[in-house]
């Protein structure tokens, strides 16, 4: 890898981002990955061409991207059984994916993954007018959510007879007969069920992942990070443009400090994604006007942990994962979640941390109005004197914001 480039495996990145979507408030852990496995297996069995198989897999991993952000307040059940919410979720998903460096076909697969074979879906498409991969994702999504997961929740032993009855109930109504018959042949295999077990699914996806050699560069990674920063920020009106604001400040500060162009881009990406773990935090906590309880604060403290956990699953961005995940660590060891101190906190960690603190102080929150820039810097100076943040770096930071 050249010093001024970055090559990231696209499938690996989308898989890690699917984890972010699945840990989000009101969502089901592992749903996107299991949906991707089921959809890929059906597409492969039906002998779709290689491009369709790859795009079906990618689309499945992020098929619920429209359920994040502003729609996180609704449960999965509410969205799936309310046509207005269902259409909004599909529309928003298509809109977000249009900003990503992915095939335009994937936009359609996500936009139409809730269409019904009999034409009763939210967009009214019928039969073969619905893209075949979207039909496959539709079956995989519903089967994982409303059959497989329901059995697991009540601890029932799953019998093939029940699977067949469930599929036949929806054949030629919700789902295409050919897809149903293909799926019924797949479920006869023990391996299919072993792979779907929560402890096996990540390893199974690593094995079957199609087109493993497809990579994206730093510019495409930045586009993806920007799209996700919008999702993250839209979760609450009080975090609107929070990540995007931090990214702008980080870019300006990193450039001022003399970092090379690649490092500036990487730091900006870290800023865009630093709060991706906050998708797991309920809005009731993010928007609480009063002081958080100890339990609520523990939930808040988990978000940088999840940020690092999600990003560390992508080879080649380990440094970005560190900078993004360490934004609440403090030089005196009083930060969270790892209680790192000056011996291991890097300058890059501090660049993100300073931008985050400043942005948080200057934007409106449920319990206060945003501060003026000088007032924010005064508070940060107090933090530097107590060795929470780096004093000399803060003097440089002050020059770019005042």
Protein backbone atom coordinates (compact mmCIF):
# COMPACT_ATOMS: atom_id res chain seq x y z
CA UNK A 1 0.00 0.00 0.00
CA UNK A 2 1.41 3.37 -0.98
CA UNK A 3 1.89 5.94 1.77
CA UNK A 4 -0.61 8.33 0.21
CA UNK A 5 -3.41 5.83 -0.45
CA UNK A 6 -5.79 3.63 1.50
CA UNK A 7 -7.41 0.40 0.28
CA UNK A 8 -10.36 -0.90 2.30
CA UNK A 9 -12.32 -4.07 1.58
CA UNK A 10 -15.85 -2.95 0.75
CA UNK A 11 -17.61 -6.11 1.97
CA UNK A 12 -15.79 -5.98 5.27
CA UNK A 13 -16.69 -2.33 5.75
CA UNK A 14 -20.38 -2.86 4.96
CA UNK A 15 -20.47 -5.81 7.35
CA UNK A 16 -19.06 -3.67 10.16
CA UNK A 17 -21.55 -0.89 9.41
CA UNK A 18 -24.38 -3.44 9.45
CA UNK A 19 -23.37 -4.12 13.06
CA UNK A 20 -23.85 -0.41 13.78
CA UNK A 21 -27.35 -0.60 12.33
CA UNK A 22 -28.20 -3.73 14.32
CA UNK A 23 -27.07 -2.43 17.72
CA UNK A 24 -29.13 0.72 17.22
CA UNK A 25 -32.02 1.59 19.51
CA UNK A 26 -35.15 -0.56 18.91
CA UNK A 27 -33.29 -2.94 16.58
CA UNK A 28 -32.31 -6.63 16.64
CA UNK A 29 -28.69 -7.68 17.03
CA UNK A 30 -27.43 -9.75 14.10
CA UNK A 31 -30.48 -9.17 11.91
CA UNK A 32 -28.68 -7.57 8.95
CA UNK A 33 -25.91 -10.15 8.85
CA UNK A 34 -28.31 -13.08 9.00
CA UNK A 35 -30.51 -11.47 6.34
CA UNK A 36 -27.43 -11.09 4.14
CA UNK A 37 -26.51 -14.75 4.61
CA UNK A 38 -30.03 -15.95 3.73
CA UNK A 39 -30.34 -13.64 0.73
CA UNK A 40 -26.88 -14.54 -0.59
CA UNK A 41 -27.65 -18.25 -0.27
CA UNK A 42 -30.91 -17.90 -2.20
CA UNK A 43 -29.30 -15.75 -4.92
CA UNK A 44 -26.47 -18.24 -5.30
CA UNK A 45 -28.87 -21.19 -5.47
CA UNK A 46 -30.98 -19.43 -8.11
CA UNK A 47 -27.81 -18.87 -10.16
CA UNK A 48 -28.09 -15.11 -10.46
CA UNK A 49 -25.12 -13.59 -12.26
CA UNK A 50 -22.09 -12.66 -10.18
CA UNK A 51 -22.83 -8.93 -10.15
CA UNK A 52 -26.39 -9.53 -8.93
CA UNK A 53 -25.15 -11.89 -6.22
CA UNK A 54 -22.61 -9.34 -4.98
CA UNK A 55 -25.12 -6.49 -5.01
CA UNK A 56 -27.76 -8.64 -3.29
CA UNK A 57 -25.24 -9.37 -0.55
CA UNK A 58 -24.19 -5.73 -0.15
CA UNK A 59 -27.78 -4.47 -0.21
CA UNK A 60 -28.82 -7.05 2.40
CA UNK A 61 -26.13 -5.93 4.82
CA UNK A 62 -27.44 -2.36 4.82
CA UNK A 63 -31.09 -2.96 3.83
CA UNK A 64 -32.26 -1.32 7.07
CA UNK A 65 -30.09 1.78 6.75
CA UNK A 66 -33.31 3.78 6.43
CA UNK A 67 -34.38 2.65 9.92
CA UNK A 68 -31.47 4.43 11.60
CA UNK A 69 -31.22 8.08 12.58
CA UNK A 70 -34.54 9.89 12.64
CA UNK A 71 -36.56 6.64 12.48
CA UNK A 72 -34.81 5.02 15.44
CA UNK A 73 -37.68 6.01 17.74
CA UNK A 74 -39.93 3.46 16.00
CA UNK A 75 -39.71 -0.25 16.71
CA UNK A 76 -39.09 -2.84 14.00
CA UNK A 77 -42.68 -4.04 14.34
CA UNK A 78 -44.09 -0.52 14.05
CA UNK A 79 -42.17 0.11 10.85
CA UNK A 80 -42.96 -3.25 9.24
CA UNK A 81 -46.71 -3.06 9.93
CA UNK A 82 -47.34 0.60 9.16
CA UNK A 83 -47.32 1.38 5.45
CA UNK A 84 -46.39 5.03 5.93
CA UNK A 85 -43.40 4.19 8.14
CA UNK A 86 -42.43 1.30 5.89
CA UNK A 87 -42.38 3.54 2.83
CA UNK A 88 -40.46 6.25 4.70
CA UNK A 89 -37.89 3.68 5.79
CA UNK A 90 -37.43 2.43 2.20
CA UNK A 91 -37.31 5.95 0.77
CA UNK A 92 -34.80 7.18 3.33
CA UNK A 93 -32.71 4.06 2.79
CA UNK A 94 -32.58 4.67 -0.95
CA UNK A 95 -31.69 8.31 -0.36
CA UNK A 96 -28.80 7.47 1.96
CA UNK A 97 -27.46 4.72 -0.28
CA UNK A 98 -27.50 7.11 -3.25
CA UNK A 99 -24.73 9.00 -1.43
CA UNK A 100 -22.55 5.88 -1.16
CA UNK A 101 -20.02 4.64 -3.75
CA UNK A 102 -22.17 1.62 -4.61
CA UNK A 103 -23.95 0.31 -7.72
CA UNK A 104 -27.16 2.16 -8.56
CA UNK A 105 -28.89 -1.24 -8.59
CA UNK A 106 -28.42 -1.44 -4.82
CA UNK A 107 -30.52 1.72 -4.44
CA UNK A 108 -33.43 -0.04 -6.15
CA UNK A 109 -32.98 -3.23 -4.13
CA UNK A 110 -33.22 -1.28 -0.89
CA UNK A 111 -35.98 1.01 -2.13
CA UNK A 112 -38.18 -1.93 -3.15
CA UNK A 113 -37.29 -4.61 -0.58
CA UNK A 114 -40.76 -4.38 0.98
CA UNK A 115 -42.72 -4.80 -2.25
CA UNK A 116 -45.19 -7.71 -2.32
CA UNK A 117 -45.45 -10.21 -5.20
CA UNK A 118 -49.22 -9.56 -5.46
CA UNK A 119 -48.75 -5.80 -5.79
CA UNK A 120 -49.89 -4.84 -2.29
CA UNK A 121 -46.55 -3.30 -1.28
CA UNK A 122 -45.98 0.37 -0.46
CA UNK A 123 -44.92 1.32 -4.01
CA UNK A 124 -47.48 -0.91 -5.73
CA UNK A 125 -44.99 -2.84 -7.87
CA UNK A 126 -46.23 -6.29 -8.85
CA UNK A 127 -44.59 -9.57 -9.87
CA UNK A 128 -41.56 -9.33 -12.10
CA UNK A 129 -41.68 -5.52 -12.03
CA UNK A 130 -39.99 -5.88 -8.63
CA UNK A 131 -36.21 -6.41 -9.03
CA UNK A 132 -35.48 -10.07 -8.30
CA UNK A 133 -32.77 -9.30 -5.71
CA UNK A 134 -35.23 -7.01 -3.88
CA UNK A 135 -37.69 -9.91 -3.78
CA UNK A 136 -34.99 -12.19 -2.35
CA UNK A 137 -34.06 -9.66 0.33
CA UNK A 138 -37.74 -9.27 1.20
CA UNK A 139 -38.12 -12.98 1.96
CA UNK A 140 -34.79 -13.14 3.83
CA UNK A 141 -35.70 -10.10 5.93
CA UNK A 142 -39.17 -11.31 6.90
CA UNK A 143 -38.06 -14.87 7.56
CA UNK A 144 -35.28 -13.72 9.91
CA UNK A 145 -37.49 -11.26 11.77
CA UNK A 146 -40.88 -12.90 11.95
CA UNK A 147 -40.15 -16.60 11.85
CA UNK A 148 -36.62 -17.54 12.89
CA UNK A 149 -36.22 -14.87 15.56
CA UNK A 150 -39.69 -15.55 17.00
CA UNK A 151 -38.83 -19.21 17.46
CA UNK A 152 -35.55 -18.31 19.13
CA UNK A 153 -37.21 -15.82 21.48
CA UNK A 154 -39.60 -18.43 22.91
CA UNK A 155 -37.02 -21.22 22.91
CA UNK A 156 -39.02 -23.50 20.63
CA UNK A 157 -37.40 -26.29 18.64
CA UNK A 158 -37.59 -25.34 15.00
CA UNK A 159 -39.13 -27.98 12.72
CA UNK A 160 -38.91 -28.00 8.92
CA UNK A 161 -42.65 -28.63 8.78
CA UNK A 162 -43.23 -25.24 10.42
CA UNK A 163 -40.86 -23.52 7.98
CA UNK A 164 -42.73 -25.00 5.02
CA UNK A 165 -46.10 -24.00 6.44
CA UNK A 166 -44.89 -20.43 7.00
CA UNK A 167 -43.47 -20.13 3.48
CA UNK A 168 -46.51 -21.67 1.83
CA UNK A 169 -48.76 -19.19 3.66
CA UNK A 170 -47.08 -16.31 1.79
CA UNK A 171 -46.27 -18.03 -1.53
CA UNK A 172 -47.64 -16.12 -4.54
CA UNK A 173 -48.92 -13.41 -2.19
CA UNK A 174 -45.97 -11.81 -0.45
CA UNK A 175 -43.25 -13.86 -2.15
CA UNK A 176 -42.45 -15.21 -5.62
CA UNK A 177 -43.12 -18.98 -5.90
CA UNK A 178 -39.70 -19.70 -7.43
CA UNK A 179 -37.91 -17.95 -4.55
CA UNK A 180 -40.05 -19.82 -2.03
CA UNK A 181 -39.30 -23.20 -3.62
CA UNK A 182 -35.59 -22.42 -3.77
CA UNK A 183 -35.59 -21.42 -0.13
CA UNK A 184 -37.43 -24.59 0.90
CA UNK A 185 -34.70 -26.66 -0.75
CA UNK A 186 -32.02 -24.68 1.11
CA UNK A 187 -33.56 -25.16 4.57
CA UNK A 188 -33.19 -28.94 4.19
CA UNK A 189 -29.44 -28.50 4.76
CA UNK A 190 -28.14 -28.68 8.32
CA UNK A 191 -25.28 -26.31 7.45
CA UNK A 192 -27.75 -23.52 6.72
CA UNK A 193 -29.05 -23.62 10.28
CA UNK A 194 -25.61 -24.01 11.83
CA UNK A 195 -24.33 -20.97 9.94
CA UNK A 196 -27.27 -18.85 11.14
CA UNK A 197 -26.51 -19.43 14.82
CA UNK A 198 -25.40 -16.14 16.44
CA UNK A 199 -21.98 -17.48 17.39
CA UNK A 200 -21.34 -18.66 13.81
CA UNK A 201 -22.80 -16.00 11.54
CA UNK A 202 -19.79 -13.66 11.38
CA UNK A 203 -17.45 -16.53 10.51
CA UNK A 204 -19.92 -17.87 7.96
CA UNK A 205 -20.09 -14.48 6.23
CA UNK A 206 -16.30 -14.25 6.15
CA UNK A 207 -16.25 -17.57 4.27
CA UNK A 208 -19.02 -16.87 1.76
CA UNK A 209 -18.40 -13.15 1.22
CA UNK A 210 -18.51 -12.58 -2.56
CA UNK A 211 -16.06 -10.41 -4.47
CA UNK A 212 -13.64 -10.19 -1.55
CA UNK A 213 -11.08 -8.26 -3.58
CA UNK A 214 -13.26 -5.19 -4.17
CA UNK A 215 -11.72 -2.26 -2.34
CA UNK A 216 -12.47 1.43 -1.92
CA UNK A 217 -10.05 4.32 -1.56
CA UNK A 218 -9.85 7.12 0.97
CA UNK A 219 -12.28 9.31 -0.98
CA UNK A 220 -14.99 6.63 -1.13
CA UNK A 221 -14.44 5.87 2.55
CA UNK A 222 -14.95 9.55 3.28
CA UNK A 223 -18.22 9.56 1.31
CA UNK A 224 -19.47 6.61 3.33
CA UNK A 225 -18.41 8.23 6.60
CA UNK A 226 -20.22 11.45 5.64
CA UNK A 227 -23.44 9.56 4.86
CA UNK A 228 -23.29 7.77 8.21
CA UNK A 229 -22.50 11.00 10.05
CA UNK A 230 -25.80 12.39 8.72
CA UNK A 231 -27.62 9.31 10.00
CA UNK A 232 -25.93 9.57 13.39
CA UNK A 233 -26.67 13.28 13.73
CA UNK A 234 -30.30 12.94 12.61
CA UNK A 235 -31.07 10.65 15.54
CA UNK A 236 -31.90 13.70 17.68
CA UNK A 237 -32.50 17.40 16.94
CA UNK A 238 -29.98 18.15 19.69
CA UNK A 239 -27.19 16.33 17.83
CA UNK A 240 -28.16 17.71 14.42
CA UNK A 241 -24.89 18.32 12.52
CA UNK A 242 -22.81 17.41 15.60
CA UNK A 243 -20.55 14.91 13.81
CA UNK A 244 -20.51 16.99 10.65
CA UNK A 245 -19.48 20.05 12.65
CA UNK A 246 -16.69 18.13 14.37
CA UNK A 247 -15.48 16.86 10.99
CA UNK A 248 -15.21 20.42 9.63
CA UNK A 249 -13.32 21.60 12.71
CA UNK A 250 -11.05 18.54 12.59
CA UNK A 251 -10.20 19.14 8.94
CA UNK A 252 -9.33 22.75 9.65
CA UNK A 253 -7.32 21.95 12.79
CA UNK A 254 -5.42 19.02 11.26
CA UNK A 255 -4.50 21.17 8.25
CA UNK A 256 -3.31 23.95 10.58
CA UNK A 257 -1.14 21.46 12.47
CA UNK A 258 0.60 20.47 9.23
CA UNK A 259 -0.65 16.92 8.78
CA UNK A 260 -0.26 15.53 5.26
CA UNK A 261 -3.41 15.34 3.07
CA UNK A 262 -3.99 11.63 3.75
CA UNK A 263 -3.84 12.15 7.51
CA UNK A 264 -6.23 15.10 7.28
CA UNK A 265 -8.70 12.92 5.37
CA UNK A 266 -8.34 10.04 7.86
CA UNK A 267 -8.85 12.33 10.85
CA UNK A 268 -11.94 13.81 9.21
CA UNK A 269 -13.32 10.30 8.66
CA UNK A 270 -12.68 9.50 12.33
CA UNK A 271 -14.60 12.65 13.25
CA UNK A 272 -17.52 11.67 11.02
CA UNK A 273 -17.75 8.26 12.66
CA UNK A 274 -16.73 9.04 16.25
CA UNK A 275 -20.32 8.78 17.51
CA UNK A 276 -21.45 5.79 15.44
CA UNK A 277 -21.75 3.89 18.72
CA UNK A 278 -24.33 6.46 19.82
CA UNK A 279 -26.88 4.76 17.55
CA UNK A 280 -27.24 2.38 20.50
CA UNK A 281 -28.16 5.17 22.96
CA UNK A 282 -31.92 5.75 23.44
CA UNK A 283 -33.23 9.19 22.50
CA UNK A 284 -34.80 9.40 25.96
CA UNK A 285 -31.25 9.71 27.29
CA UNK A 286 -29.86 11.92 24.52
CA UNK A 287 -32.74 14.37 24.93
CA UNK A 288 -33.16 14.24 28.70
CA UNK A 289 -33.38 17.83 29.99
CA UNK A 290 -32.13 17.00 33.51
CA UNK A 291 -29.17 15.22 35.05
CA UNK A 292 -28.59 11.64 33.95
CA UNK A 293 -28.92 8.83 36.46
CA UNK A 294 -25.92 6.59 37.08
CA UNK A 295 -27.52 3.87 34.94
CA UNK A 296 -28.19 6.32 32.10
CA UNK A 297 -24.64 7.63 32.26
CA UNK A 298 -23.32 4.07 32.00
CA UNK A 299 -25.29 3.68 28.78
CA UNK A 300 -23.83 6.92 27.43
CA UNK A 301 -20.33 5.77 28.38
CA UNK A 302 -20.71 2.68 26.21
CA UNK A 303 -20.99 4.59 22.93
CA UNK A 304 -17.24 5.10 22.28
CA UNK A 305 -16.74 1.42 23.14
CA UNK A 306 -19.16 0.46 20.38
CA UNK A 307 -17.58 2.96 17.99
CA UNK A 308 -14.23 1.27 18.35
CA UNK A 309 -15.74 -2.24 18.29
CA UNK A 310 -17.52 -1.52 15.00
CA UNK A 311 -14.60 0.17 13.24
CA UNK A 312 -11.97 -2.31 14.46
CA UNK A 313 -13.63 -5.00 12.35
CA UNK A 314 -12.32 -3.32 9.20
CA UNK A 315 -8.74 -4.08 8.22
CA UNK A 316 -6.73 -1.01 7.32
CA UNK A 317 -8.50 1.59 9.46
CA UNK A 318 -7.26 0.50 12.87
CA UNK A 319 -5.82 3.97 13.49
CA UNK A 320 -9.11 5.66 12.54
CA UNK A 321 -10.91 3.30 14.94
CA UNK A 322 -8.58 4.37 17.76
CA UNK A 323 -8.97 8.10 17.15
CA UNK A 324 -12.75 7.80 16.84
CA UNK A 325 -13.11 5.55 19.87
CA UNK A 326 -10.83 7.52 22.19
CA UNK A 327 -12.60 10.88 22.02
CA UNK A 328 -13.78 10.67 25.65
CA UNK A 329 -10.44 9.56 27.12
CA UNK A 330 -8.57 12.11 29.25
CA UNK A 331 -4.85 12.70 29.82
CA UNK A 332 -5.30 12.35 33.61
CA UNK A 333 -6.92 8.93 33.24
CA UNK A 334 -10.41 10.12 34.23
CA UNK A 335 -12.07 9.53 30.85
CA UNK A 336 -13.98 6.54 29.48
CA UNK A 337 -14.44 3.78 28.51
CA UNK A 338 -10.84 2.54 28.86
CA UNK A 339 -9.44 5.09 31.33
CA UNK A 340 -6.44 5.69 29.11
CA UNK A 341 -3.97 8.40 30.16
CA UNK A 342 -1.18 10.57 28.73
CA UNK A 343 1.03 7.50 28.22
CA UNK A 344 -1.22 6.06 25.50
CA UNK A 345 -3.46 8.91 24.31
CA UNK A 346 -2.10 10.20 21.01
CA UNK A 347 -2.05 13.66 19.52
CA UNK A 348 -4.60 12.45 16.94
CA UNK A 349 -6.91 11.28 19.73
CA UNK A 350 -6.71 14.77 21.19
CA UNK A 351 -7.45 16.46 17.86
CA UNK A 352 -10.80 14.64 17.73
CA UNK A 353 -11.42 15.14 21.46
CA UNK A 354 -10.85 18.91 21.34
CA UNK A 355 -13.16 19.29 18.35
CA UNK A 356 -15.80 17.17 20.10
CA UNK A 357 -15.67 19.14 23.35
CA UNK A 358 -15.80 22.48 21.57
CA UNK A 359 -18.67 21.45 19.31
CA UNK A 360 -20.65 20.06 22.25
CA UNK A 361 -20.20 23.25 24.27
CA UNK A 362 -21.21 25.56 21.45
CA UNK A 363 -24.35 23.73 20.28
CA UNK A 364 -27.74 23.71 21.96
CA UNK A 365 -28.54 20.82 24.30
CA UNK A 366 -31.83 19.88 26.04
CA UNK A 367 -30.64 21.42 29.30
CA UNK A 368 -28.87 24.58 28.04
CA UNK A 369 -28.25 26.94 25.15
CA UNK A 370 -25.03 26.68 23.17
CA UNK A 371 -22.13 28.78 24.45
CA UNK A 372 -20.26 31.54 22.67
CA UNK A 373 -16.88 30.40 21.27
CA UNK A 374 -14.85 32.36 23.84
CA UNK A 375 -16.87 30.93 26.75
CA UNK A 376 -16.32 27.42 25.40
CA UNK A 377 -12.58 27.98 25.12
CA UNK A 378 -12.49 29.36 28.68
CA UNK A 379 -14.07 26.13 29.96
CA UNK A 380 -11.61 24.07 27.91
CA UNK A 381 -8.73 26.08 29.40
CA UNK A 382 -9.98 25.04 32.82
CA UNK A 383 -9.99 21.42 31.67
CA UNK A 384 -6.43 21.75 30.39
CA UNK A 385 -5.24 23.11 33.75
CA UNK A 386 -6.65 19.97 35.38
CA UNK A 387 -4.83 17.83 32.79
CA UNK A 388 -7.96 16.54 31.10
CA UNK A 389 -6.78 17.80 27.71
CA UNK A 390 -3.47 19.02 26.30
CA UNK A 391 -2.80 22.68 27.11
CA UNK A 392 -0.34 23.40 24.28
CA UNK A 393 -2.54 21.72 21.70
CA UNK A 394 -5.49 23.73 22.99
CA UNK A 395 -3.54 26.97 22.37
CA UNK A 396 -3.25 25.95 18.72
CA UNK A 397 -6.90 24.94 18.62
CA UNK A 398 -7.90 28.32 20.01
CA UNK A 399 -6.31 30.03 17.00
CA UNK A 400 -8.60 28.29 14.51
CA UNK A 401 -11.92 28.84 16.33
CA UNK A 402 -11.58 32.38 17.73
